Amino acid sequence: MKTINWKEVCKFLSGAFFVTAGASWYLSWYHITMPFMGTAMSPEFLFFRGFLHFLLFLASFYYGFIYKKKNIS
């Protein structure tokens, strides 16, 4: 049974969160309402979503690329 390499998972998620944050802010900037399962995501919601995804990008970028595990030996 293999273990999950969480550092690589965080690297992947950092890219995904960066793209969705940018797309959400773009749609919010141009006041585009996105349909979603019979409802709609307002530009205000998209702005908040972009902000949340940018925070998640920062966290996953830190743990995927910057954070170094300390050796306790």
N, C-alpha and C. Protein backbone atom coordinates (compact mmCIF):
# COMPACT_ATOMS: atom_id res chain seq x y z
N MET A 1 0.84 -1.18 0.00
CA MET A 1 0.00 0.00 0.00
C MET A 1 0.89 1.25 0.00
N LYS A 2 0.61 2.16 -0.90
CA LYS A 2 1.43 3.36 -1.01
C LYS A 2 0.87 4.46 -0.11
N THR A 3 1.76 5.33 0.32
CA THR A 3 1.34 6.50 1.08
C THR A 3 1.16 7.68 0.13
N ILE A 4 0.37 8.62 0.54
CA ILE A 4 0.11 9.80 -0.29
C ILE A 4 1.21 10.82 -0.05
N ASN A 5 1.78 11.32 -1.12
CA ASN A 5 2.80 12.36 -1.03
C ASN A 5 2.07 13.72 -0.98
N TRP A 6 1.84 14.21 0.24
CA TRP A 6 1.04 15.41 0.43
C TRP A 6 1.69 16.65 -0.15
N LYS A 7 3.00 16.65 -0.25
CA LYS A 7 3.70 17.79 -0.84
C LYS A 7 3.29 17.94 -2.31
N GLU A 8 3.20 16.84 -3.03
CA GLU A 8 2.79 16.88 -4.44
C GLU A 8 1.31 17.24 -4.58
N VAL A 9 0.50 16.78 -3.66
CA VAL A 9 -0.92 17.14 -3.67
C VAL A 9 -1.07 18.65 -3.50
N CYS A 10 -0.31 19.23 -2.57
CA CYS A 10 -0.37 20.67 -2.34
C CYS A 10 0.13 21.45 -3.56
N LYS A 11 1.12 20.93 -4.25
CA LYS A 11 1.60 21.59 -5.47
C LYS A 11 0.50 21.63 -6.52
N PHE A 12 -0.21 20.51 -6.69
CA PHE A 12 -1.31 20.47 -7.65
C PHE A 12 -2.43 21.42 -7.25
N LEU A 13 -2.80 21.40 -5.97
CA LEU A 13 -3.89 22.25 -5.49
C LEU A 13 -3.55 23.73 -5.60
N SER A 14 -2.28 24.08 -5.41
CA SER A 14 -1.90 25.49 -5.51
C SER A 14 -2.19 26.00 -6.93
N GLY A 15 -1.90 25.23 -7.93
CA GLY A 15 -2.20 25.63 -9.31
C GLY A 15 -3.69 25.72 -9.56
N ALA A 16 -4.44 24.76 -9.05
CA ALA A 16 -5.89 24.76 -9.25
C ALA A 16 -6.54 25.96 -8.56
N PHE A 17 -6.13 26.25 -7.32
CA PHE A 17 -6.70 27.38 -6.60
C PHE A 17 -6.31 28.71 -7.24
N PHE A 18 -5.10 28.79 -7.79
CA PHE A 18 -4.67 30.03 -8.45
C PHE A 18 -5.54 30.32 -9.67
N VAL A 19 -5.81 29.30 -10.45
CA VAL A 19 -6.62 29.47 -11.66
C VAL A 19 -8.05 29.84 -11.31
N THR A 20 -8.66 29.15 -10.34
CA THR A 20 -10.05 29.46 -9.99
C THR A 20 -10.18 30.83 -9.34
N ALA A 21 -9.17 31.26 -8.59
CA ALA A 21 -9.21 32.61 -8.01
C ALA A 21 -9.18 33.65 -9.12
N GLY A 22 -8.29 33.47 -10.08
CA GLY A 22 -8.21 34.41 -11.20
C GLY A 22 -9.47 34.44 -12.04
N ALA A 23 -10.04 33.27 -12.32
CA ALA A 23 -11.27 33.20 -13.11
C ALA A 23 -12.43 33.85 -12.37
N SER A 24 -12.53 33.60 -11.08
CA SER A 24 -13.62 34.20 -10.29
C SER A 24 -13.50 35.72 -10.24
N TRP A 25 -12.29 36.23 -10.04
CA TRP A 25 -12.11 37.68 -10.01
C TRP A 25 -12.37 38.30 -11.38
N TYR A 26 -12.00 37.62 -12.44
CA TYR A 26 -12.25 38.12 -13.79
C TYR A 26 -13.75 38.25 -14.03
N LEU A 27 -14.50 37.20 -13.71
CA LEU A 27 -15.95 37.23 -13.90
C LEU A 27 -16.60 38.28 -13.01
N SER A 28 -16.09 38.45 -11.82
CA SER A 28 -16.63 39.46 -10.91
C SER A 28 -16.34 40.87 -11.43
N TRP A 29 -15.16 41.09 -11.96
CA TRP A 29 -14.75 42.41 -12.47
C TRP A 29 -15.67 42.89 -13.59
N TYR A 30 -16.06 41.94 -14.47
CA TYR A 30 -16.90 42.29 -15.60
C TYR A 30 -18.40 42.05 -15.32
N HIS A 31 -18.74 41.83 -14.06
CA HIS A 31 -20.14 41.68 -13.62
C HIS A 31 -20.88 40.61 -14.41
N ILE A 32 -20.25 39.44 -14.52
CA ILE A 32 -20.85 38.32 -15.21
C ILE A 32 -21.44 37.38 -14.16
N THR A 33 -22.68 37.03 -14.32
CA THR A 33 -23.34 36.09 -13.43
C THR A 33 -23.19 34.69 -14.02
N MET A 34 -22.72 33.75 -13.22
CA MET A 34 -22.50 32.38 -13.69
C MET A 34 -23.66 31.49 -13.26
N PRO A 35 -24.26 30.77 -14.21
CA PRO A 35 -25.29 29.80 -13.83
C PRO A 35 -24.66 28.61 -13.11
N PHE A 36 -25.37 28.11 -12.11
CA PHE A 36 -24.85 26.97 -11.34
C PHE A 36 -26.02 26.13 -10.83
N MET A 37 -26.23 25.00 -11.45
CA MET A 37 -27.24 24.02 -11.04
C MET A 37 -28.61 24.65 -10.80
N GLY A 38 -29.09 25.38 -11.75
CA GLY A 38 -30.40 25.98 -11.66
C GLY A 38 -30.46 27.29 -10.90
N THR A 39 -29.36 27.71 -10.32
CA THR A 39 -29.29 29.00 -9.63
C THR A 39 -28.25 29.86 -10.34
N ALA A 40 -27.82 30.92 -9.69
CA ALA A 40 -26.80 31.78 -10.29
C ALA A 40 -25.81 32.24 -9.22
N MET A 41 -24.54 32.34 -9.61
CA MET A 41 -23.52 32.90 -8.73
C MET A 41 -23.36 34.37 -9.09
N SER A 42 -23.65 35.24 -8.15
CA SER A 42 -23.58 36.67 -8.39
C SER A 42 -22.13 37.14 -8.46
N PRO A 43 -21.89 38.30 -9.04
CA PRO A 43 -20.52 38.83 -9.07
C PRO A 43 -19.95 39.05 -7.66
N GLU A 44 -20.79 39.42 -6.69
CA GLU A 44 -20.31 39.60 -5.31
C GLU A 44 -19.85 38.27 -4.73
N PHE A 45 -20.62 37.21 -5.00
CA PHE A 45 -20.23 35.87 -4.54
C PHE A 45 -18.93 35.43 -5.21
N LEU A 46 -18.80 35.70 -6.51
CA LEU A 46 -17.60 35.32 -7.24
C LEU A 46 -16.37 36.05 -6.70
N PHE A 47 -16.55 37.32 -6.30
CA PHE A 47 -15.43 38.06 -5.72
C PHE A 47 -14.99 37.41 -4.41
N PHE A 48 -15.96 37.07 -3.55
CA PHE A 48 -15.63 36.41 -2.28
C PHE A 48 -15.00 35.04 -2.53
N ARG A 49 -15.53 34.31 -3.50
CA ARG A 49 -14.98 33.00 -3.85
C ARG A 49 -13.54 33.13 -4.33
N GLY A 50 -13.26 34.15 -5.14
CA GLY A 50 -11.90 34.38 -5.60
C GLY A 50 -10.96 34.68 -4.46
N PHE A 51 -11.44 35.48 -3.50
CA PHE A 51 -10.61 35.80 -2.33
C PHE A 51 -10.32 34.55 -1.51
N LEU A 52 -11.34 33.72 -1.29
CA LEU A 52 -11.16 32.48 -0.53
C LEU A 52 -10.20 31.54 -1.25
N HIS A 53 -10.34 31.41 -2.56
CA HIS A 53 -9.45 30.52 -3.31
C HIS A 53 -8.02 31.07 -3.36
N PHE A 54 -7.87 32.39 -3.32
CA PHE A 54 -6.52 32.95 -3.27
C PHE A 54 -5.86 32.63 -1.93
N LEU A 55 -6.61 32.69 -0.84
CA LEU A 55 -6.06 32.30 0.47
C LEU A 55 -5.68 30.82 0.48
N LEU A 56 -6.52 29.98 -0.11
CA LEU A 56 -6.19 28.56 -0.19
C LEU A 56 -4.98 28.33 -1.10
N PHE A 57 -4.84 29.14 -2.15
CA PHE A 57 -3.64 29.07 -3.00
C PHE A 57 -2.39 29.38 -2.19
N LEU A 58 -2.43 30.44 -1.39
CA LEU A 58 -1.26 30.80 -0.59
C LEU A 58 -0.86 29.69 0.37
N ALA A 59 -1.85 29.10 1.04
CA ALA A 59 -1.57 28.02 1.98
C ALA A 59 -1.00 26.79 1.27
N SER A 60 -1.63 26.38 0.17
CA SER A 60 -1.14 25.19 -0.53
C SER A 60 0.20 25.45 -1.22
N PHE A 61 0.44 26.67 -1.69
CA PHE A 61 1.74 27.01 -2.28
C PHE A 61 2.84 26.92 -1.22
N TYR A 62 2.54 27.43 -0.04
CA TYR A 62 3.53 27.38 1.04
C TYR A 62 3.88 25.94 1.39
N TYR A 63 2.86 25.10 1.62
CA TYR A 63 3.13 23.71 2.02
C TYR A 63 3.66 22.86 0.86
N GLY A 64 3.37 23.24 -0.37
CA GLY A 64 3.85 22.46 -1.50
C GLY A 64 5.25 22.82 -1.96
N PHE A 65 5.62 24.11 -1.88
CA PHE A 65 6.89 24.55 -2.45
C PHE A 65 7.89 25.11 -1.44
N ILE A 66 7.44 25.73 -0.37
CA ILE A 66 8.35 26.45 0.53
C ILE A 66 8.67 25.68 1.80
N TYR A 67 7.67 25.09 2.41
CA TYR A 67 7.81 24.42 3.72
C TYR A 67 8.78 23.25 3.63
N LYS A 68 9.73 23.21 4.55
CA LYS A 68 10.68 22.10 4.64
C LYS A 68 10.44 21.38 5.97
N LYS A 69 10.28 20.07 5.90
CA LYS A 69 10.07 19.28 7.09
C LYS A 69 11.35 19.23 7.92
N LYS A 70 11.20 19.41 9.23
CA LYS A 70 12.35 19.39 10.11
C LYS A 70 12.68 17.95 10.48
N ASN A 71 13.96 17.60 10.42
CA ASN A 71 14.40 16.27 10.82
C ASN A 71 14.54 16.21 12.33
N ILE A 72 13.81 15.31 12.93
CA ILE A 72 13.92 15.12 14.38
C ILE A 72 14.63 13.77 14.58
N SER A 73 15.94 13.84 14.81
CA SER A 73 16.73 12.63 14.97
C SER A 73 17.59 12.73 16.20
